[in-house]
PDB file of all heavy atoms in Angstrom:
ATOM      1  N   GLY A   1      25.532-114.631 -12.651  1.00  0.00           N
ATOM      2  CA  GLY A   1      25.745-114.683 -14.087  1.00  0.00           C
ATOM      3  C   GLY A   1      27.090-115.165 -14.550  1.00  0.00           C
ATOM      4  O   GLY A   1      27.497-114.886 -15.688  1.00  0.00           O
ATOM      5  N   ARG A   2      27.787-115.910 -13.696  1.00  0.00           N
ATOM      6  CA  ARG A   2      29.119-116.391 -14.078  1.00  0.00           C
ATOM      7  C   ARG A   2      29.115-117.861 -14.477  1.00  0.00           C
ATOM      8  O   ARG A   2      30.169-118.467 -14.649  1.00  0.00           O
ATOM      9  CB  ARG A   2      30.107-116.132 -12.932  1.00  0.00           C
ATOM     10  CG  ARG A   2      30.252-114.643 -12.664  1.00  0.00           C
ATOM     11  CD  ARG A   2      31.145-114.326 -11.508  1.00  0.00           C
ATOM     12  NE  ARG A   2      31.131-112.895 -11.231  1.00  0.00           N
ATOM     13  CZ  ARG A   2      31.784-112.329 -10.225  1.00  0.00           C
ATOM     14  NH1 ARG A   2      32.508-113.072  -9.418  1.00  0.00           N
ATOM     15  NH2 ARG A   2      31.709-111.020 -10.037  1.00  0.00           N
ATOM     16  N   GLY A   3      27.933-118.422 -14.614  1.00  0.00           N
ATOM     17  CA  GLY A   3      27.811-119.771 -15.136  1.00  0.00           C
ATOM     18  C   GLY A   3      27.981-120.853 -14.093  1.00  0.00           C
ATOM     19  O   GLY A   3      28.515-120.609 -13.013  1.00  0.00           O
ATOM     20  N   PRO A   4      27.541-122.069 -14.410  1.00  0.00           N
ATOM     21  CA  PRO A   4      27.654-123.186 -13.473  1.00  0.00           C
ATOM     22  C   PRO A   4      29.064-123.737 -13.416  1.00  0.00           C
ATOM     23  O   PRO A   4      29.787-123.743 -14.412  1.00  0.00           O
ATOM     24  CB  PRO A   4      26.694-124.226 -14.054  1.00  0.00           C
ATOM     25  CG  PRO A   4      26.702-123.946 -15.529  1.00  0.00           C
ATOM     26  CD  PRO A   4      26.853-122.455 -15.655  1.00  0.00           C
ATOM     27  N   GLN A   5      29.462-124.184 -12.245  1.00  0.00           N
ATOM     28  CA  GLN A   5      30.738-124.867 -12.070  1.00  0.00           C
ATOM     29  C   GLN A   5      30.550-126.378 -11.988  1.00  0.00           C
ATOM     30  O   GLN A   5      31.523-127.114 -11.916  1.00  0.00           O
ATOM     31  CB  GLN A   5      31.438-124.349 -10.803  1.00  0.00           C
ATOM     32  CG  GLN A   5      31.744-122.863 -10.843  1.00  0.00           C
ATOM     33  CD  GLN A   5      32.327-122.332  -9.551  1.00  0.00           C
ATOM     34  OE1 GLN A   5      32.408-123.048  -8.558  1.00  0.00           O
ATOM     35  NE2 GLN A   5      32.736-121.076  -9.551  1.00  0.00           N
ATOM     36  N   LYS A   6      29.289-126.808 -11.967  1.00  0.00           N
ATOM     37  CA  LYS A   6      28.961-128.230 -11.872  1.00  0.00           C
ATOM     38  C   LYS A   6      28.006-128.593 -13.002  1.00  0.00           C
ATOM     39  O   LYS A   6      27.070-127.840 -13.301  1.00  0.00           O
ATOM     40  CB  LYS A   6      28.311-128.544 -10.514  1.00  0.00           C
ATOM     41  CG  LYS A   6      29.220-128.332  -9.322  1.00  0.00           C
ATOM     42  CD  LYS A   6      28.429-128.294  -8.025  1.00  0.00           C
ATOM     43  CE  LYS A   6      27.786-129.629  -7.698  1.00  0.00           C
ATOM     44  NZ  LYS A   6      28.774-130.645  -7.293  1.00  0.00           N
ATOM     45  N   CYS A   7      28.223-129.763 -13.588  1.00  0.00           N
ATOM     46  CA  CYS A   7      27.388-130.145 -14.727  1.00  0.00           C
ATOM     47  C   CYS A   7      25.923-130.315 -14.340  1.00  0.00           C
ATOM     48  O   CYS A   7      25.024-130.084 -15.152  1.00  0.00           O
ATOM     49  CB  CYS A   7      27.910-131.435 -15.354  1.00  0.00           C
ATOM     50  SG  CYS A   7      27.911-132.880 -14.263  1.00  0.00           S
ATOM     51  N   VAL A   8      25.653-130.714 -13.092  1.00  0.00           N
ATOM     52  CA  VAL A   8      24.273-131.025 -12.704  1.00  0.00           C
ATOM     53  C   VAL A   8      23.364-129.798 -12.744  1.00  0.00           C
ATOM     54  O   VAL A   8      22.144-129.928 -12.876  1.00  0.00           O
ATOM     55  CB  VAL A   8      24.204-131.679 -11.307  1.00  0.00           C
ATOM     56  CG1 VAL A   8      24.864-133.045 -11.324  1.00  0.00           C
ATOM     57  CG2 VAL A   8      24.804-130.787 -10.231  1.00  0.00           C
ATOM     58  N   THR A   9      23.937-128.592 -12.633  1.00  0.00           N
ATOM     59  CA  THR A   9      23.100-127.400 -12.650  1.00  0.00           C
ATOM     60  C   THR A   9      23.255-126.588 -13.940  1.00  0.00           C
ATOM     61  O   THR A   9      22.762-125.467 -14.025  1.00  0.00           O
ATOM     62  CB  THR A   9      23.402-126.489 -11.438  1.00  0.00           C
ATOM     63  OG1 THR A   9      24.791-126.150 -11.429  1.00  0.00           O
ATOM     64  CG2 THR A   9      23.030-127.188 -10.142  1.00  0.00           C
ATOM     65  N   GLY A  10      23.925-127.154 -14.918  1.00  0.00           N
ATOM     66  CA  GLY A  10      24.055-126.485 -16.211  1.00  0.00           C
ATOM     67  C   GLY A  10      22.826-126.715 -17.079  1.00  0.00           C
ATOM     68  O   GLY A  10      22.054-127.651 -16.862  1.00  0.00           O
ATOM     69  N   ARG A  11      22.670-125.864 -18.076  1.00  0.00           N
ATOM     70  CA  ARG A  11      21.535-126.009 -18.992  1.00  0.00           C
ATOM     71  C   ARG A  11      21.675-127.265 -19.845  1.00  0.00           C
ATOM     72  O   ARG A  11      20.693-127.926 -20.174  1.00  0.00           O
ATOM     73  CB  ARG A  11      21.432-124.778 -19.882  1.00  0.00           C
ATOM     74  CG  ARG A  11      20.227-124.802 -20.800  1.00  0.00           C
ATOM     75  CD  ARG A  11      20.001-123.464 -21.491  1.00  0.00           C
ATOM     76  NE  ARG A  11      18.747-123.454 -22.223  1.00  0.00           N
ATOM     77  CZ  ARG A  11      18.192-122.351 -22.730  1.00  0.00           C
ATOM     78  NH1 ARG A  11      18.788-121.185 -22.565  1.00  0.00           N
ATOM     79  NH2 ARG A  11      17.048-122.418 -23.369  1.00  0.00           N
ATOM     80  N   ILE A  12      22.902-127.575 -20.229  1.00  0.00           N
ATOM     81  CA  ILE A  12      23.176-128.820 -20.945  1.00  0.00           C
ATOM     82  C   ILE A  12      24.249-129.584 -20.181  1.00  0.00           C
ATOM     83  O   ILE A  12      24.920-129.028 -19.310  1.00  0.00           O
ATOM     84  CB  ILE A  12      23.642-128.578 -22.399  1.00  0.00           C
ATOM     85  CG1 ILE A  12      24.982-127.833 -22.422  1.00  0.00           C
ATOM     86  CG2 ILE A  12      22.576-127.843 -23.191  1.00  0.00           C
ATOM     87  CD1 ILE A  12      25.606-127.752 -23.798  1.00  0.00           C
ATOM     88  N   CYS A  13      24.378-130.853 -20.494  1.00  0.00           N
ATOM     89  CA  CYS A  13      25.461-131.645 -19.906  1.00  0.00           C
ATOM     90  C   CYS A  13      26.158-132.366 -21.059  1.00  0.00           C
ATOM     91  O   CYS A  13      26.135-131.890 -22.183  1.00  0.00           O
ATOM     92  CB  CYS A  13      24.933-132.604 -18.850  1.00  0.00           C
ATOM     93  SG  CYS A  13      23.651-133.747 -19.419  1.00  0.00           S
ATOM     94  N   GLY A  14      26.792-133.483 -20.791  1.00  0.00           N
ATOM     95  CA  GLY A  14      27.348-134.264 -21.884  1.00  0.00           C
ATOM     96  C   GLY A  14      28.834-134.127 -22.099  1.00  0.00           C
ATOM     97  O   GLY A  14      29.397-134.787 -22.982  1.00  0.00           O
ATOM     98  N   LYS A  15      29.511-133.275 -21.306  1.00  0.00           N
ATOM     99  CA  LYS A  15      30.958-133.148 -21.453  1.00  0.00           C
ATOM    100  C   LYS A  15      31.703-133.769 -20.276  1.00  0.00           C
ATOM    101  O   LYS A  15      32.866-133.466 -20.030  1.00  0.00           O
ATOM    102  CB  LYS A  15      31.355-131.687 -21.641  1.00  0.00           C
ATOM    103  CG  LYS A  15      30.919-131.133 -22.995  1.00  0.00           C
ATOM    104  CD  LYS A  15      31.571-129.800 -23.297  1.00  0.00           C
ATOM    105  CE  LYS A  15      31.193-129.314 -24.698  1.00  0.00           C
ATOM    106  NZ  LYS A  15      31.834-128.043 -25.034  1.00  0.00           N
ATOM    107  N   ALA A  16      31.017-134.619 -19.543  1.00  0.00           N
ATOM    108  CA  ALA A  16      31.650-135.383 -18.450  1.00  0.00           C
ATOM    109  C   ALA A  16      31.252-136.839 -18.648  1.00  0.00           C
ATOM    110  O   ALA A  16      30.187-137.269 -18.208  1.00  0.00           O
ATOM    111  CB  ALA A  16      31.203-134.866 -17.094  1.00  0.00           C
ATOM    112  N   LEU A  17      32.098-137.573 -19.344  1.00  0.00           N
ATOM    113  CA  LEU A  17      31.774-138.936 -19.751  1.00  0.00           C
ATOM    114  C   LEU A  17      32.519-139.945 -18.879  1.00  0.00           C
ATOM    115  O   LEU A  17      33.273-139.574 -17.980  1.00  0.00           O
ATOM    116  CB  LEU A  17      32.133-139.134 -21.226  1.00  0.00           C
ATOM    117  CG  LEU A  17      31.425-138.190 -22.212  1.00  0.00           C
ATOM    118  CD1 LEU A  17      32.244-136.931 -22.445  1.00  0.00           C
ATOM    119  CD2 LEU A  17      31.169-138.881 -23.539  1.00  0.00           C
ATOM    120  N   ALA A  18      32.312-141.219 -19.161  1.00  0.00           N
ATOM    121  CA  ALA A  18      32.981-142.277 -18.406  1.00  0.00           C
ATOM    122  C   ALA A  18      33.510-143.329 -19.366  1.00  0.00           C
ATOM    123  O   ALA A  18      32.827-143.712 -20.332  1.00  0.00           O
ATOM    124  CB  ALA A  18      32.018-142.923 -17.416  1.00  0.00           C
ATOM    125  N   ILE A  19      34.729-143.784 -19.102  1.00  0.00           N
ATOM    126  CA  ILE A  19      35.322-144.828 -19.930  1.00  0.00           C
ATOM    127  C   ILE A  19      35.693-146.014 -19.049  1.00  0.00           C
ATOM    128  O   ILE A  19      36.304-145.857 -17.992  1.00  0.00           O
ATOM    129  CB  ILE A  19      36.548-144.298 -20.709  1.00  0.00           C
ATOM    130  CG1 ILE A  19      37.045-145.344 -21.707  1.00  0.00           C
ATOM    131  CG2 ILE A  19      37.660-143.839 -19.794  1.00  0.00           C
ATOM    132  CD1 ILE A  19      38.049-144.794 -22.700  1.00  0.00           C
ATOM    133  N   GLU A  20      35.264-147.173 -19.476  1.00  0.00           N
ATOM    134  CA  GLU A  20      35.512-148.387 -18.706  1.00  0.00           C
ATOM    135  C   GLU A  20      36.881-148.993 -19.047  1.00  0.00           C
ATOM    136  O   GLU A  20      37.546-148.580 -19.997  1.00  0.00           O
ATOM    137  CB  GLU A  20      34.397-149.402 -18.959  1.00  0.00           C
ATOM    138  CG  GLU A  20      33.296-149.374 -17.909  1.00  0.00           C
ATOM    139  CD  GLU A  20      33.782-149.910 -16.568  1.00  0.00           C
ATOM    140  OE1 GLU A  20      34.885-150.492 -16.506  1.00  0.00           O
ATOM    141  OE2 GLU A  20      33.063-149.741 -15.575  1.00  0.00           O
ATOM    142  N   PHE A  21      37.273-149.988 -18.263  1.00  0.00           N
ATOM    143  CA  PHE A  21      38.598-150.599 -18.380  1.00  0.00           C
ATOM    144  C   PHE A  21      38.867-151.179 -19.772  1.00  0.00           C
ATOM    145  O   PHE A  21      40.017-151.306 -20.185  1.00  0.00           O
ATOM    146  CB  PHE A  21      38.735-151.714 -17.328  1.00  0.00           C
ATOM    147  CG  PHE A  21      38.011-152.979 -17.695  1.00  0.00           C
ATOM    148  CD1 PHE A  21      38.699-154.059 -18.242  1.00  0.00           C
ATOM    149  CD2 PHE A  21      36.636-153.104 -17.529  1.00  0.00           C
ATOM    150  CE1 PHE A  21      38.035-155.223 -18.603  1.00  0.00           C
ATOM    151  CE2 PHE A  21      35.962-154.253 -17.885  1.00  0.00           C
ATOM    152  CZ  PHE A  21      36.670-155.325 -18.430  1.00  0.00           C
ATOM    153  N   ASN A  22      37.805-151.530 -20.509  1.00  0.00           N
ATOM    154  CA  ASN A  22      37.953-152.159 -21.826  1.00  0.00           C
ATOM    155  C   ASN A  22      37.822-151.179 -22.987  1.00  0.00           C
ATOM    156  O   ASN A  22      37.803-151.583 -24.151  1.00  0.00           O
ATOM    157  CB  ASN A  22      36.923-153.272 -21.985  1.00  0.00           C
ATOM    158  CG  ASN A  22      35.486-152.758 -21.927  1.00  0.00           C
ATOM    159  OD1 ASN A  22      35.250-151.580 -21.628  1.00  0.00           O
ATOM    160  ND2 ASN A  22      34.525-153.626 -22.199  1.00  0.00           N
ATOM    161  N   GLY A  23      37.709-149.876 -22.679  1.00  0.00           N
ATOM    162  CA  GLY A  23      37.622-148.868 -23.730  1.00  0.00           C
ATOM    163  C   GLY A  23      36.220-148.466 -24.121  1.00  0.00           C
ATOM    164  O   GLY A  23      36.041-147.595 -24.970  1.00  0.00           O
ATOM    165  N   ASP A  24      35.203-149.078 -23.516  1.00  0.00           N
ATOM    166  CA  ASP A  24      33.826-148.663 -23.784  1.00  0.00           C
ATOM    167  C   ASP A  24      33.586-147.279 -23.187  1.00  0.00           C
ATOM    168  O   ASP A  24      33.896-147.033 -22.015  1.00  0.00           O
ATOM    169  CB  ASP A  24      32.833-149.657 -23.180  1.00  0.00           C
ATOM    170  CG  ASP A  24      32.766-150.956 -23.962  1.00  0.00           C
ATOM    171  OD1 ASP A  24      33.225-150.992 -25.116  1.00  0.00           O
ATOM    172  OD2 ASP A  24      32.236-151.951 -23.407  1.00  0.00           O
ATOM    173  N   LEU A  25      33.008-146.381 -23.999  1.00  0.00           N
ATOM    174  CA  LEU A  25      32.756-145.010 -23.582  1.00  0.00           C
ATOM    175  C   LEU A  25      31.260-144.796 -23.398  1.00  0.00           C
ATOM    176  O   LEU A  25      30.465-145.177 -24.262  1.00  0.00           O
ATOM    177  CB  LEU A  25      33.306-144.034 -24.621  1.00  0.00           C
ATOM    178  CG  LEU A  25      33.260-142.547 -24.265  1.00  0.00           C
ATOM    179  CD1 LEU A  25      34.227-142.226 -23.126  1.00  0.00           C
ATOM    180  CD2 LEU A  25      33.618-141.690 -25.484  1.00  0.00           C
ATOM    181  N   TYR A  26      30.877-144.172 -22.278  1.00  0.00           N
ATOM    182  CA  TYR A  26      29.474-143.950 -21.941  1.00  0.00           C
ATOM    183  C   TYR A  26      29.192-142.455 -21.794  1.00  0.00           C
ATOM    184  O   TYR A  26      30.080-141.659 -21.491  1.00  0.00           O
ATOM    185  CB  TYR A  26      29.121-144.680 -20.643  1.00  0.00           C
ATOM    186  CG  TYR A  26      29.188-146.184 -20.766  1.00  0.00           C
ATOM    187  CD1 TYR A  26      30.390-146.860 -20.573  1.00  0.00           C
ATOM    188  CD2 TYR A  26      28.064-146.929 -21.110  1.00  0.00           C
ATOM    189  CE1 TYR A  26      30.463-148.250 -20.702  1.00  0.00           C
ATOM    190  CE2 TYR A  26      28.122-148.313 -21.232  1.00  0.00           C
ATOM    191  CZ  TYR A  26      29.326-148.962 -21.034  1.00  0.00           C
ATOM    192  OH  TYR A  26      29.393-150.328 -21.161  1.00  0.00           O
ATOM    193  N   CYS A  27      27.918-142.105 -21.977  1.00  0.00           N
ATOM    194  CA  CYS A  27      27.502-140.701 -21.975  1.00  0.00           C
ATOM    195  C   CYS A  27      27.882-139.962 -20.704  1.00  0.00           C
ATOM    196  O   CYS A  27      28.172-138.773 -20.728  1.00  0.00           O
ATOM    197  CB  CYS A  27      25.989-140.607 -22.166  1.00  0.00           C
ATOM    198  SG  CYS A  27      25.403-141.147 -23.785  1.00  0.00           S
ATOM    199  N   CYS A  28      27.863-140.654 -19.567  1.00  0.00           N
ATOM    200  CA  CYS A  28      28.086-140.016 -18.275  1.00  0.00           C
ATOM    201  C   CYS A  28      28.417-141.090 -17.254  1.00  0.00           C
ATOM    202  O   CYS A  28      28.042-142.260 -17.415  1.00  0.00           O
ATOM    203  CB  CYS A  28      26.829-139.243 -17.861  1.00  0.00           C
ATOM    204  SG  CYS A  28      26.825-138.627 -16.160  1.00  0.00           S
ATOM    205  N   ASP A  29      29.087-140.682 -16.192  1.00  0.00           N
ATOM    206  CA  ASP A  29      29.436-141.592 -15.109  1.00  0.00           C
ATOM    207  C   ASP A  29      28.204-142.259 -14.499  1.00  0.00           C
ATOM    208  O   ASP A  29      28.255-143.420 -14.070  1.00  0.00           O
ATOM    209  CB  ASP A  29      30.190-140.788 -14.037  1.00  0.00           C
ATOM    210  CG  ASP A  29      30.630-141.630 -12.863  1.00  0.00           C
ATOM    211  OD1 ASP A  29      30.995-142.797 -13.076  1.00  0.00           O
ATOM    212  OD2 ASP A  29      30.616-141.118 -11.733  1.00  0.00           O
ATOM    213  N   HIS A  30      27.097-141.549 -14.439  1.00  0.00           N
ATOM    214  CA  HIS A  30      25.863-142.093 -13.853  1.00  0.00           C
ATOM    215  C   HIS A  30      24.971-142.763 -14.896  1.00  0.00           C
ATOM    216  O   HIS A  30      23.860-143.182 -14.578  1.00  0.00           O
ATOM    217  CB  HIS A  30      25.089-140.993 -13.123  1.00  0.00           C
ATOM    218  CG  HIS A  30      25.738-140.589 -11.834  1.00  0.00           C
ATOM    219  ND1 HIS A  30      25.593-141.305 -10.671  1.00  0.00           N
ATOM    220  CD2 HIS A  30      26.562-139.549 -11.536  1.00  0.00           C
ATOM    221  CE1 HIS A  30      26.277-140.729  -9.701  1.00  0.00           C
ATOM    222  NE2 HIS A  30      26.876-139.661 -10.199  1.00  0.00           N
ATOM    223  N   PHE A  31      25.456-142.844 -16.111  1.00  0.00           N
ATOM    224  CA  PHE A  31      24.690-143.483 -17.190  1.00  0.00           C
ATOM    225  C   PHE A  31      25.487-144.626 -17.821  1.00  0.00           C
ATOM    226  O   PHE A  31      25.396-144.859 -19.019  1.00  0.00           O
ATOM    227  CB  PHE A  31      24.306-142.446 -18.245  1.00  0.00           C
ATOM    228  CG  PHE A  31      23.218-141.503 -17.804  1.00  0.00           C
ATOM    229  CD1 PHE A  31      23.471-140.478 -16.907  1.00  0.00           C
ATOM    230  CD2 PHE A  31      21.923-141.643 -18.289  1.00  0.00           C
ATOM    231  CE1 PHE A  31      22.476-139.605 -16.495  1.00  0.00           C
ATOM    232  CE2 PHE A  31      20.909-140.774 -17.885  1.00  0.00           C
ATOM    233  CZ  PHE A  31      21.187-139.763 -16.982  1.00  0.00           C
ATOM    234  N   VAL A  32      26.246-145.315 -17.003  1.00  0.00           N
ATOM    235  CA  VAL A  32      27.006-146.466 -17.506  1.00  0.00           C
ATOM    236  C   VAL A  32      26.075-147.671 -17.548  1.00  0.00           C
ATOM    237  O   VAL A  32      26.050-148.521 -16.652  1.00  0.00           O
ATOM    238  CB  VAL A  32      28.269-146.728 -16.654  1.00  0.00           C
ATOM    239  CG1 VAL A  32      29.029-147.943 -17.190  1.00  0.00           C
ATOM    240  CG2 VAL A  32      29.179-145.498 -16.672  1.00  0.00           C
ATOM    241  N   TYR A  33      25.266-147.675 -18.573  1.00  0.00           N
ATOM    242  CA  TYR A  33      24.316-148.742 -18.879  1.00  0.00           C
ATOM    243  C   TYR A  33      24.425-149.022 -20.375  1.00  0.00           C
ATOM    244  O   TYR A  33      24.800-148.114 -21.145  1.00  0.00           O
ATOM    245  CB  TYR A  33      22.883-148.310 -18.545  1.00  0.00           C
ATOM    246  CG  TYR A  33      22.598-148.147 -17.069  1.00  0.00           C
ATOM    247  CD1 TYR A  33      22.945-146.967 -16.401  1.00  0.00           C
ATOM    248  CD2 TYR A  33      21.958-149.159 -16.340  1.00  0.00           C
ATOM    249  CE1 TYR A  33      22.668-146.811 -15.048  1.00  0.00           C
ATOM    250  CE2 TYR A  33      21.681-149.007 -14.989  1.00  0.00           C
ATOM    251  CZ  TYR A  33      22.040-147.832 -14.344  1.00  0.00           C
ATOM    252  OH  TYR A  33      21.766-147.684 -13.001  1.00  0.00           O
ATOM    253  N   PRO A  34      24.098-150.224 -20.808  1.00  0.00           N
ATOM    254  CA  PRO A  34      24.193-150.521 -22.251  1.00  0.00           C
ATOM    255  C   PRO A  34      23.454-149.518 -23.128  1.00  0.00           C
ATOM    256  O   PRO A  34      23.899-149.218 -24.244  1.00  0.00           O
ATOM    257  CB  PRO A  34      23.571-151.923 -22.354  1.00  0.00           C
ATOM    258  CG  PRO A  34      23.836-152.549 -21.012  1.00  0.00           C
ATOM    259  CD  PRO A  34      23.720-151.423 -20.035  1.00  0.00           C
ATOM    260  N   GLU A  35      22.349-148.976 -22.634  1.00  0.00           N
ATOM    261  CA  GLU A  35      21.552-148.034 -23.423  1.00  0.00           C
ATOM    262  C   GLU A  35      22.308-146.728 -23.719  1.00  0.00           C
ATOM    263  O   GLU A  35      21.944-145.986 -24.629  1.00  0.00           O
ATOM    264  CB  GLU A  35      20.248-147.706 -22.694  1.00  0.00           C
ATOM    265  CG  GLU A  35      19.288-148.880 -22.581  1.00  0.00           C
ATOM    266  CD  GLU A  35      19.535-149.741 -21.355  1.00  0.00           C
ATOM    267  OE1 GLU A  35      20.627-149.654 -20.736  1.00  0.00           O
ATOM    268  OE2 GLU A  35      18.629-150.513 -20.991  1.00  0.00           O
ATOM    269  N   TYR A  36      23.327-146.434 -22.938  1.00  0.00           N
ATOM    270  CA  TYR A  36      24.038-145.164 -23.089  1.00  0.00           C
ATOM    271  C   TYR A  36      25.496-145.356 -23.508  1.00  0.00           C
ATOM    272  O   TYR A  36      26.314-144.447 -23.351  1.00  0.00           O
ATOM    273  CB  TYR A  36      23.963-144.370 -21.779  1.00  0.00           C
ATOM    274  CG  TYR A  36      22.560-143.918 -21.460  1.00  0.00           C
ATOM    275  CD1 TYR A  36      21.761-144.645 -20.574  1.00  0.00           C
ATOM    276  CD2 TYR A  36      22.018-142.783 -22.049  1.00  0.00           C
ATOM    277  CE1 TYR A  36      20.462-144.251 -20.283  1.00  0.00           C
ATOM    278  CE2 TYR A  36      20.725-142.379 -21.763  1.00  0.00           C
ATOM    279  CZ  TYR A  36      19.951-143.112 -20.878  1.00  0.00           C
ATOM    280  OH  TYR A  36      18.663-142.712 -20.591  1.00  0.00           O
ATOM    281  N   LYS A  37      25.796-146.488 -24.072  1.00  0.00           N
ATOM    282  CA  LYS A  37      27.148-146.725 -24.589  1.00  0.00           C
ATOM    283  C   LYS A  37      27.306-146.020 -25.929  1.00  0.00           C
ATOM    284  O   LYS A  37      26.485-146.178 -26.835  1.00  0.00           O
ATOM    285  CB  LYS A  37      27.397-148.221 -24.736  1.00  0.00           C
ATOM    286  CG  LYS A  37      28.766-148.572 -25.311  1.00  0.00           C
ATOM    287  CD  LYS A  37      28.929-150.079 -25.448  1.00  0.00           C
ATOM    288  CE  LYS A  37      30.142-150.440 -26.278  1.00  0.00           C
ATOM    289  NZ  LYS A  37      30.307-151.905 -26.431  1.00  0.00           N
ATOM    290  N   LEU A  38      28.376-145.236 -26.053  1.00  0.00           N
ATOM    291  CA  LEU A  38      28.647-144.503 -27.292  1.00  0.00           C
ATOM    292  C   LEU A  38      29.473-145.316 -28.278  1.00  0.00           C
ATOM    293  O   LEU A  38      29.374-145.124 -29.492  1.00  0.00           O
ATOM    294  CB  LEU A  38      29.390-143.200 -26.971  1.00  0.00           C
ATOM    295  CG  LEU A  38      28.612-142.150 -26.179  1.00  0.00           C
ATOM    296  CD1 LEU A  38      29.545-141.043 -25.713  1.00  0.00           C
ATOM    297  CD2 LEU A  38      27.482-141.579 -27.012  1.00  0.00           C
ATOM    298  N   GLY A  39      30.300-146.206 -27.777  1.00  0.00           N
ATOM    299  CA  GLY A  39      31.179-146.992 -28.632  1.00  0.00           C
ATOM    300  C   GLY A  39      32.432-147.352 -27.874  1.00  0.00           C
ATOM    301  O   GLY A  39      32.521-147.186 -26.652  1.00  0.00           O
ATOM    302  N   ASN A  40      33.427-147.845 -28.596  1.00  0.00           N
ATOM    303  CA  ASN A  40      34.691-148.231 -27.990  1.00  0.00           C
ATOM    304  C   ASN A  40      35.823-147.470 -28.659  1.00  0.00           C
ATOM    305  O   ASN A  40      35.856-147.343 -29.894  1.00  0.00           O
ATOM    306  CB  ASN A  40      34.918-149.736 -28.141  1.00  0.00           C
ATOM    307  CG  ASN A  40      36.106-150.236 -27.333  1.00  0.00           C
ATOM    308  OD1 ASN A  40      37.253-149.994 -27.687  1.00  0.00           O
ATOM    309  ND2 ASN A  40      35.824-150.933 -26.243  1.00  0.00           N
ATOM    310  N   ILE A  41      36.752-146.951 -27.857  1.00  0.00           N
ATOM    311  CA  ILE A  41      37.787-146.067 -28.399  1.00  0.00           C
ATOM    312  C   ILE A  41      38.821-146.812 -29.231  1.00  0.00           C
ATOM    313  O   ILE A  41      39.634-146.183 -29.908  1.00  0.00           O
ATOM    314  CB  ILE A  41      38.484-145.265 -27.290  1.00  0.00           C
ATOM    315  CG1 ILE A  41      39.295-146.179 -26.356  1.00  0.00           C
ATOM    316  CG2 ILE A  41      37.470-144.430 -26.516  1.00  0.00           C
ATOM    317  CD1 ILE A  41      40.202-145.406 -25.402  1.00  0.00           C
ATOM    318  N   ARG A  42      38.804-148.126 -29.219  1.00  0.00           N
ATOM    319  CA  ARG A  42      39.674-148.875 -30.135  1.00  0.00           C
ATOM    320  C   ARG A  42      39.116-148.856 -31.569  1.00  0.00           C
ATOM    321  O   ARG A  42      39.856-149.067 -32.530  1.00  0.00           O
ATOM    322  CB  ARG A  42      39.821-150.315 -29.681  1.00  0.00           C
ATOM    323  CG  ARG A  42      40.682-150.522 -28.441  1.00  0.00           C
ATOM    324  CD  ARG A  42      41.045-151.988 -28.305  1.00  0.00           C
ATOM    325  NE  ARG A  42      41.724-152.307 -27.065  1.00  0.00           N
ATOM    326  CZ  ARG A  42      43.021-152.154 -26.832  1.00  0.00           C
ATOM    327  NH1 ARG A  42      43.783-151.618 -27.772  1.00  0.00           N
ATOM    328  NH2 ARG A  42      43.556-152.512 -25.676  1.00  0.00           N
ATOM    329  N   GLU A  43      37.808-148.602 -31.663  1.00  0.00           N
ATOM    330  CA  GLU A  43      37.139-148.660 -32.965  1.00  0.00           C
ATOM    331  C   GLU A  43      36.845-147.272 -33.538  1.00  0.00           C
ATOM    332  O   GLU A  43      36.910-147.063 -34.750  1.00  0.00           O
ATOM    333  CB  GLU A  43      35.837-149.454 -32.826  1.00  0.00           C
ATOM    334  CG  GLU A  43      36.073-150.900 -32.371  1.00  0.00           C
ATOM    335  CD  GLU A  43      34.796-151.582 -31.929  1.00  0.00           C
ATOM    336  OE1 GLU A  43      33.730-150.917 -31.944  1.00  0.00           O
ATOM    337  OE2 GLU A  43      34.861-152.764 -31.552  1.00  0.00           O
TER     338      GLU A  43
END
């Protein structure tokens, strides 16, 4: 009952994202695909 230490076994995820060299931010490191691009941090 002390909670997950890894996102893969948590009830929700979404707080471990990935940012590319050009500032594009994606939902997750394993979801770096155009479909999961959130935007660019310059904008």
